[in-house]
Amino acid sequence: MRSDLRETFEHLTTARGFTKESGFHVREFEKGYVVLEAAVKESLVQFMGFVHAGVVTGLADHAAGAAYASVLPEGKVCLTIELKINFMKPAVGDMLAAEARVLSGGASIGVVQSHVYAEKDGARELVAAAMVTLKSIAPR
Protein backbone atom coordinates (compact mmCIF):
# COMPACT_ATOMS: atom_id res chain seq x y z
CA MET A 1 0.00 0.00 0.00
CA ARG A 2 1.22 3.49 -0.73
CA SER A 3 2.63 5.05 2.43
CA ASP A 4 0.91 8.39 1.85
CA LEU A 5 -2.57 6.93 1.29
CA ARG A 6 -3.83 7.19 4.88
CA GLU A 7 -2.83 10.85 5.16
CA THR A 8 -4.27 11.62 1.74
CA PHE A 9 -7.55 9.93 2.58
CA GLU A 10 -7.81 11.63 5.99
CA HIS A 11 -7.28 14.98 4.26
CA LEU A 12 -9.90 14.22 1.58
CA THR A 13 -12.35 13.08 4.25
CA THR A 14 -12.05 16.22 6.36
CA ALA A 15 -11.32 18.84 3.67
CA ARG A 16 -14.78 19.68 2.34
CA GLY A 17 -18.38 18.79 1.68
CA PHE A 18 -20.57 16.15 3.24
CA THR A 19 -17.80 14.21 4.96
CA LYS A 20 -16.35 17.36 6.54
CA GLU A 21 -19.74 18.66 7.68
CA SER A 22 -20.64 15.23 9.07
CA GLY A 23 -17.36 15.04 10.98
CA PHE A 24 -16.01 11.82 9.45
CA HIS A 25 -12.52 10.80 10.60
CA VAL A 26 -10.23 7.86 9.95
CA ARG A 27 -9.90 5.59 13.00
CA GLU A 28 -8.03 2.69 11.36
CA PHE A 29 -6.51 2.33 7.91
CA GLU A 30 -4.82 -0.80 6.54
CA LYS A 31 -4.60 -2.34 3.10
CA GLY A 32 -8.11 -3.56 2.32
CA TYR A 33 -9.59 -2.51 5.68
CA VAL A 34 -10.75 0.89 6.95
CA VAL A 35 -12.67 2.13 9.97
CA LEU A 36 -14.26 5.58 9.73
CA GLU A 37 -15.98 7.28 12.63
CA ALA A 38 -18.31 10.18 13.19
CA ALA A 39 -19.34 11.70 16.50
CA VAL A 40 -23.11 11.92 16.78
CA LYS A 41 -24.32 15.52 16.84
CA GLU A 42 -27.68 17.24 16.58
CA SER A 43 -27.22 18.16 12.91
CA LEU A 44 -26.98 14.44 11.97
CA VAL A 45 -30.24 13.22 13.51
CA GLN A 46 -33.71 12.88 12.07
CA PHE A 47 -37.01 13.94 13.67
CA MET A 48 -37.07 11.06 16.20
CA GLY A 49 -33.50 11.68 17.37
CA PHE A 50 -31.88 8.74 15.56
CA VAL A 51 -28.88 9.35 13.32
CA HIS A 52 -30.30 9.93 9.84
CA ALA A 53 -30.17 6.93 7.51
CA GLY A 54 -28.41 9.08 4.92
CA VAL A 55 -25.54 9.71 7.34
CA VAL A 56 -25.29 6.00 8.21
CA THR A 57 -25.29 5.16 4.48
CA GLY A 58 -22.74 7.86 3.71
CA LEU A 59 -20.40 6.57 6.41
CA ALA A 60 -20.70 2.98 5.11
CA ASP A 61 -20.13 4.13 1.53
CA HIS A 62 -17.16 6.37 2.28
CA ALA A 63 -15.48 3.66 4.36
CA ALA A 64 -15.98 1.20 1.49
CA GLY A 65 -14.42 3.63 -0.96
CA ALA A 66 -11.40 4.10 1.28
CA ALA A 67 -10.95 0.36 1.72
CA TYR A 68 -11.06 -0.28 -2.03
CA ALA A 69 -8.80 2.72 -2.76
CA SER A 70 -6.23 1.22 -0.40
CA VAL A 71 -5.72 -1.75 -2.75
CA LEU A 72 -5.65 0.23 -6.00
CA PRO A 73 -2.41 1.21 -7.74
CA GLU A 74 -1.16 4.77 -7.51
CA GLY A 75 -3.01 7.10 -9.87
CA LYS A 76 -6.37 5.36 -9.44
CA VAL A 77 -9.40 6.41 -7.39
CA CYS A 78 -12.86 4.88 -7.17
CA LEU A 79 -16.53 5.72 -7.34
CA THR A 80 -19.51 3.77 -6.05
CA ILE A 81 -21.59 2.15 -8.77
CA GLU A 82 -23.97 0.17 -6.55
CA LEU A 83 -24.82 0.13 -2.85
CA LYS A 84 -27.20 -2.13 -0.94
CA ILE A 85 -27.75 -1.40 2.74
CA ASN A 86 -29.77 -3.12 5.45
CA PHE A 87 -30.67 -1.22 8.61
CA MET A 88 -30.97 -3.49 11.66
CA LYS A 89 -31.91 -0.92 14.28
CA PRO A 90 -31.94 2.84 14.81
CA ALA A 91 -28.50 4.42 15.18
CA VAL A 92 -28.33 5.81 18.71
CA GLY A 93 -25.12 6.54 20.60
CA ASP A 94 -22.23 8.93 20.98
CA MET A 95 -20.21 7.69 18.01
CA LEU A 96 -20.76 5.80 14.77
CA ALA A 97 -18.04 3.57 13.32
CA ALA A 98 -18.09 1.99 9.87
CA GLU A 99 -15.78 -0.99 9.37
CA ALA A 100 -15.17 -1.74 5.70
CA ARG A 101 -13.35 -4.78 4.31
CA VAL A 102 -12.52 -5.48 0.67
CA LEU A 103 -14.04 -8.78 -0.43
CA SER A 104 -12.88 -8.52 -4.05
CA GLY A 105 -10.29 -5.94 -5.07
CA GLY A 106 -10.15 -6.28 -8.83
CA ALA A 107 -8.29 -3.84 -11.05
CA SER A 108 -11.50 -2.30 -12.42
CA ILE A 109 -14.29 -3.37 -10.03
CA GLY A 110 -14.20 -3.89 -6.27
CA VAL A 111 -16.72 -5.29 -3.82
CA VAL A 112 -16.59 -4.13 -0.20
CA GLN A 113 -18.65 -5.01 2.87
CA SER A 114 -19.28 -2.25 5.43
CA HIS A 115 -20.73 -2.72 8.91
CA VAL A 116 -21.86 0.37 10.82
CA TYR A 117 -21.90 0.32 14.61
CA ALA A 118 -23.39 2.75 17.12
CA GLU A 119 -21.14 3.12 20.16
CA LYS A 120 -22.00 4.38 23.64
CA ASP A 121 -20.23 3.91 26.97
CA GLY A 122 -17.94 1.22 25.54
CA ALA A 123 -20.82 -0.82 24.09
CA ARG A 124 -21.27 -1.38 20.34
CA GLU A 125 -24.38 -2.31 18.41
CA LEU A 126 -24.53 -3.24 14.74
CA VAL A 127 -27.02 -0.84 13.15
CA ALA A 128 -26.44 -1.40 9.41
CA ALA A 129 -24.65 -3.62 6.90
CA ALA A 130 -23.86 -2.57 3.35
CA MET A 131 -22.50 -4.29 0.26
CA VAL A 132 -20.80 -1.72 -1.98
CA THR A 133 -19.58 -2.16 -5.57
CA LEU A 134 -17.03 0.38 -6.78
CA LYS A 135 -15.34 1.15 -10.08
CA SER A 136 -11.67 2.10 -10.36
CA ILE A 137 -11.06 5.23 -12.44
CA ALA A 138 -8.28 7.68 -13.23
CA PRO A 139 -9.00 11.04 -11.58
CA ARG A 140 -9.58 14.07 -13.78
C-alpha atoms as a PDB file:
ATOM      1  CA  MET A   1       0.000   0.000   0.000  1.00  0.00           C
ATOM      2  CA  ARG A   2       1.219   3.494  -0.733  1.00  0.00           C
ATOM      3  CA  SER A   3       2.631   5.046   2.429  1.00  0.00           C
ATOM      4  CA  ASP A   4       0.914   8.392   1.853  1.00  0.00           C
ATOM      5  CA  LEU A   5      -2.566   6.927   1.288  1.00  0.00           C
ATOM      6  CA  ARG A   6      -3.829   7.187   4.876  1.00  0.00           C
ATOM      7  CA  GLU A   7      -2.831  10.849   5.161  1.00  0.00           C
ATOM      8  CA  THR A   8      -4.273  11.623   1.740  1.00  0.00           C
ATOM      9  CA  PHE A   9      -7.545   9.925   2.584  1.00  0.00           C
ATOM     10  CA  GLU A  10      -7.810  11.631   5.988  1.00  0.00           C
ATOM     11  CA  HIS A  11      -7.284  14.983   4.256  1.00  0.00           C
ATOM     12  CA  LEU A  12      -9.897  14.224   1.582  1.00  0.00           C
ATOM     13  CA  THR A  13     -12.347  13.079   4.254  1.00  0.00           C
ATOM     14  CA  THR A  14     -12.047  16.218   6.356  1.00  0.00           C
ATOM     15  CA  ALA A  15     -11.323  18.839   3.674  1.00  0.00           C
ATOM     16  CA  ARG A  16     -14.782  19.679   2.344  1.00  0.00           C
ATOM     17  CA  GLY A  17     -18.379  18.792   1.681  1.00  0.00           C
ATOM     18  CA  PHE A  18     -20.574  16.151   3.237  1.00  0.00           C
ATOM     19  CA  THR A  19     -17.804  14.205   4.962  1.00  0.00           C
ATOM     20  CA  LYS A  20     -16.350  17.356   6.542  1.00  0.00           C
ATOM     21  CA  GLU A  21     -19.737  18.658   7.676  1.00  0.00           C
ATOM     22  CA  SER A  22     -20.642  15.226   9.071  1.00  0.00           C
ATOM     23  CA  GLY A  23     -17.356  15.039  10.982  1.00  0.00           C
ATOM     24  CA  PHE A  24     -16.012  11.816   9.450  1.00  0.00           C
ATOM     25  CA  HIS A  25     -12.515  10.801  10.600  1.00  0.00           C
ATOM     26  CA  VAL A  26     -10.231   7.855   9.951  1.00  0.00           C
ATOM     27  CA  ARG A  27      -9.896   5.587  12.998  1.00  0.00           C
ATOM     28  CA  GLU A  28      -8.025   2.692  11.356  1.00  0.00           C
ATOM     29  CA  PHE A  29      -6.507   2.335   7.907  1.00  0.00           C
ATOM     30  CA  GLU A  30      -4.825  -0.800   6.539  1.00  0.00           C
ATOM     31  CA  LYS A  31      -4.602  -2.338   3.100  1.00  0.00           C
ATOM     32  CA  GLY A  32      -8.113  -3.558   2.319  1.00  0.00           C
ATOM     33  CA  TYR A  33      -9.587  -2.505   5.680  1.00  0.00           C
ATOM     34  CA  VAL A  34     -10.745   0.890   6.946  1.00  0.00           C
ATOM     35  CA  VAL A  35     -12.674   2.131   9.965  1.00  0.00           C
ATOM     36  CA  LEU A  36     -14.262   5.575   9.727  1.00  0.00           C
ATOM     37  CA  GLU A  37     -15.980   7.279  12.635  1.00  0.00           C
ATOM     38  CA  ALA A  38     -18.306  10.184  13.192  1.00  0.00           C
ATOM     39  CA  ALA A  39     -19.345  11.703  16.495  1.00  0.00           C
ATOM     40  CA  VAL A  40     -23.115  11.915  16.778  1.00  0.00           C
ATOM     41  CA  LYS A  41     -24.316  15.517  16.841  1.00  0.00           C
ATOM     42  CA  GLU A  42     -27.679  17.236  16.580  1.00  0.00           C
ATOM     43  CA  SER A  43     -27.221  18.156  12.911  1.00  0.00           C
ATOM     44  CA  LEU A  44     -26.984  14.440  11.973  1.00  0.00           C
ATOM     45  CA  VAL A  45     -30.237  13.219  13.513  1.00  0.00           C
ATOM     46  CA  GLN A  46     -33.712  12.878  12.069  1.00  0.00           C
ATOM     47  CA  PHE A  47     -37.012  13.940  13.671  1.00  0.00           C
ATOM     48  CA  MET A  48     -37.069  11.064  16.204  1.00  0.00           C
ATOM     49  CA  GLY A  49     -33.497  11.684  17.366  1.00  0.00           C
ATOM     50  CA  PHE A  50     -31.881   8.739  15.559  1.00  0.00           C
ATOM     51  CA  VAL A  51     -28.878   9.346  13.318  1.00  0.00           C
ATOM     52  CA  HIS A  52     -30.303   9.933   9.843  1.00  0.00           C
ATOM     53  CA  ALA A  53     -30.165   6.930   7.511  1.00  0.00           C
ATOM     54  CA  GLY A  54     -28.409   9.082   4.924  1.00  0.00           C
ATOM     55  CA  VAL A  55     -25.540   9.706   7.335  1.00  0.00           C
ATOM     56  CA  VAL A  56     -25.289   5.996   8.205  1.00  0.00           C
ATOM     57  CA  THR A  57     -25.290   5.163   4.480  1.00  0.00           C
ATOM     58  CA  GLY A  58     -22.736   7.864   3.708  1.00  0.00           C
ATOM     59  CA  LEU A  59     -20.400   6.567   6.407  1.00  0.00           C
ATOM     60  CA  ALA A  60     -20.704   2.981   5.109  1.00  0.00           C
ATOM     61  CA  ASP A  61     -20.132   4.130   1.527  1.00  0.00           C
ATOM     62  CA  HIS A  62     -17.161   6.373   2.277  1.00  0.00           C
ATOM     63  CA  ALA A  63     -15.475   3.655   4.363  1.00  0.00           C
ATOM     64  CA  ALA A  64     -15.983   1.201   1.490  1.00  0.00           C
ATOM     65  CA  GLY A  65     -14.415   3.629  -0.964  1.00  0.00           C
ATOM     66  CA  ALA A  66     -11.401   4.103   1.280  1.00  0.00           C
ATOM     67  CA  ALA A  67     -10.954   0.355   1.721  1.00  0.00           C
ATOM     68  CA  TYR A  68     -11.063  -0.284  -2.035  1.00  0.00           C
ATOM     69  CA  ALA A  69      -8.805   2.716  -2.761  1.00  0.00           C
ATOM     70  CA  SER A  70      -6.230   1.220  -0.402  1.00  0.00           C
ATOM     71  CA  VAL A  71      -5.723  -1.753  -2.750  1.00  0.00           C
ATOM     72  CA  LEU A  72      -5.652   0.232  -6.001  1.00  0.00           C
ATOM     73  CA  PRO A  73      -2.413   1.207  -7.743  1.00  0.00           C
ATOM     74  CA  GLU A  74      -1.161   4.774  -7.512  1.00  0.00           C
ATOM     75  CA  GLY A  75      -3.014   7.101  -9.871  1.00  0.00           C
ATOM     76  CA  LYS A  76      -6.375   5.365  -9.442  1.00  0.00           C
ATOM     77  CA  VAL A  77      -9.400   6.406  -7.391  1.00  0.00           C
ATOM     78  CA  CYS A  78     -12.857   4.879  -7.172  1.00  0.00           C
ATOM     79  CA  LEU A  79     -16.528   5.715  -7.339  1.00  0.00           C
ATOM     80  CA  THR A  80     -19.512   3.773  -6.046  1.00  0.00           C
ATOM     81  CA  ILE A  81     -21.595   2.152  -8.773  1.00  0.00           C
ATOM     82  CA  GLU A  82     -23.968   0.175  -6.549  1.00  0.00           C
ATOM     83  CA  LEU A  83     -24.815   0.130  -2.854  1.00  0.00           C
ATOM     84  CA  LYS A  84     -27.201  -2.126  -0.940  1.00  0.00           C
ATOM     85  CA  ILE A  85     -27.746  -1.400   2.738  1.00  0.00           C
ATOM     86  CA  ASN A  86     -29.771  -3.123   5.452  1.00  0.00           C
ATOM     87  CA  PHE A  87     -30.671  -1.224   8.614  1.00  0.00           C
ATOM     88  CA  MET A  88     -30.971  -3.492  11.656  1.00  0.00           C
ATOM     89  CA  LYS A  89     -31.912  -0.917  14.285  1.00  0.00           C
ATOM     90  CA  PRO A  90     -31.941   2.842  14.807  1.00  0.00           C
ATOM     91  CA  ALA A  91     -28.502   4.417  15.184  1.00  0.00           C
ATOM     92  CA  VAL A  92     -28.331   5.813  18.713  1.00  0.00           C
ATOM     93  CA  GLY A  93     -25.120   6.542  20.596  1.00  0.00           C
ATOM     94  CA  ASP A  94     -22.233   8.934  20.981  1.00  0.00           C
ATOM     95  CA  MET A  95     -20.206   7.689  18.015  1.00  0.00           C
ATOM     96  CA  LEU A  96     -20.757   5.796  14.770  1.00  0.00           C
ATOM     97  CA  ALA A  97     -18.041   3.566  13.318  1.00  0.00           C
ATOM     98  CA  ALA A  98     -18.087   1.989   9.868  1.00  0.00           C
ATOM     99  CA  GLU A  99     -15.783  -0.991   9.365  1.00  0.00           C
ATOM    100  CA  ALA A 100     -15.173  -1.740   5.696  1.00  0.00           C
ATOM    101  CA  ARG A 101     -13.352  -4.777   4.313  1.00  0.00           C
ATOM    102  CA  VAL A 102     -12.523  -5.478   0.668  1.00  0.00           C
ATOM    103  CA  LEU A 103     -14.036  -8.783  -0.432  1.00  0.00           C
ATOM    104  CA  SER A 104     -12.876  -8.517  -4.048  1.00  0.00           C
ATOM    105  CA  GLY A 105     -10.291  -5.944  -5.067  1.00  0.00           C
ATOM    106  CA  GLY A 106     -10.150  -6.282  -8.832  1.00  0.00           C
ATOM    107  CA  ALA A 107      -8.285  -3.837 -11.052  1.00  0.00           C
ATOM    108  CA  SER A 108     -11.497  -2.304 -12.421  1.00  0.00           C
ATOM    109  CA  ILE A 109     -14.293  -3.369 -10.027  1.00  0.00           C
ATOM    110  CA  GLY A 110     -14.196  -3.889  -6.265  1.00  0.00           C
ATOM    111  CA  VAL A 111     -16.720  -5.291  -3.820  1.00  0.00           C
ATOM    112  CA  VAL A 112     -16.591  -4.131  -0.204  1.00  0.00           C
ATOM    113  CA  GLN A 113     -18.652  -5.006   2.869  1.00  0.00           C
ATOM    114  CA  SER A 114     -19.279  -2.247   5.434  1.00  0.00           C
ATOM    115  CA  HIS A 115     -20.725  -2.717   8.909  1.00  0.00           C
ATOM    116  CA  VAL A 116     -21.861   0.369  10.816  1.00  0.00           C
ATOM    117  CA  TYR A 117     -21.903   0.318  14.611  1.00  0.00           C
ATOM    118  CA  ALA A 118     -23.390   2.753  17.117  1.00  0.00           C
ATOM    119  CA  GLU A 119     -21.140   3.124  20.156  1.00  0.00           C
ATOM    120  CA  LYS A 120     -21.997   4.382  23.637  1.00  0.00           C
ATOM    121  CA  ASP A 121     -20.227   3.911  26.966  1.00  0.00           C
ATOM    122  CA  GLY A 122     -17.941   1.218  25.539  1.00  0.00           C
ATOM    123  CA  ALA A 123     -20.823  -0.819  24.088  1.00  0.00           C
ATOM    124  CA  ARG A 124     -21.265  -1.380  20.344  1.00  0.00           C
ATOM    125  CA  GLU A 125     -24.382  -2.306  18.410  1.00  0.00           C
ATOM    126  CA  LEU A 126     -24.533  -3.242  14.741  1.00  0.00           C
ATOM    127  CA  VAL A 127     -27.021  -0.842  13.146  1.00  0.00           C
ATOM    128  CA  ALA A 128     -26.439  -1.404   9.412  1.00  0.00           C
ATOM    129  CA  ALA A 129     -24.654  -3.619   6.901  1.00  0.00           C
ATOM    130  CA  ALA A 130     -23.858  -2.574   3.351  1.00  0.00           C
ATOM    131  CA  MET A 131     -22.500  -4.287   0.256  1.00  0.00           C
ATOM    132  CA  VAL A 132     -20.802  -1.725  -1.985  1.00  0.00           C
ATOM    133  CA  THR A 133     -19.583  -2.162  -5.566  1.00  0.00           C
ATOM    134  CA  LEU A 134     -17.031   0.381  -6.780  1.00  0.00           C
ATOM    135  CA  LYS A 135     -15.336   1.152 -10.076  1.00  0.00           C
ATOM    136  CA  SER A 136     -11.668   2.100 -10.357  1.00  0.00           C
ATOM    137  CA  ILE A 137     -11.058   5.234 -12.436  1.00  0.00           C
ATOM    138  CA  ALA A 138      -8.281   7.678 -13.233  1.00  0.00           C
ATOM    139  CA  PRO A 139      -9.001  11.040 -11.578  1.00  0.00           C
ATOM    140  CA  ARG A 140      -9.580  14.073 -13.784  1.00  0.00           C
END
